[in-house]
């Protein structure tokens, strides 16, 4: 974030008393419009598992075990950034979240005794344009025993449950 003095596009002193304009920028993008404010970046706590799709990372919080943390859209030359405003909760039934995977543009959240699917996009770096859907239960009687058993490939996703391996 940087400030420029005397270059504000708003000449109204009531809203711009000091003549400062605030811009958020990244290495690969120019300044945002004067009215836009990028979501504040926050370092995620410990992560349980992570995957990627839709030009962003998707992680499971190790501390808040039903919380999914999508990153802001990934930009070249900028480390992945997370914002608490993009986080969402997976329903608590089925135990704690165990792992996460991606199939095309869908996110699969594995719990101990359930599997949920999430579709849509959580929005841009400004927090706008979200089409994210509420997590839907994909399976009510099968879950995943460990994130280490989840494998993503051209075949889709394979994982181990208490009943055996699924693909």
Foldseek 3Di string as FASTA:
>chain_A
DDKDAQPDPDPDCVVVVRRIADFDDDPVDDTDPSVFDFADFDDADDFQEWEDAPQWIWTAHPVQQFKIWIWARDDPPDPTTTHPLLMDGADCPQAGWAYWYDDHQKIWTFGQAWIWIKHWAQDHRRRPDTPIDHIDTPDRGWGADHRVQWDQDPVGIWGAHPVGIDD
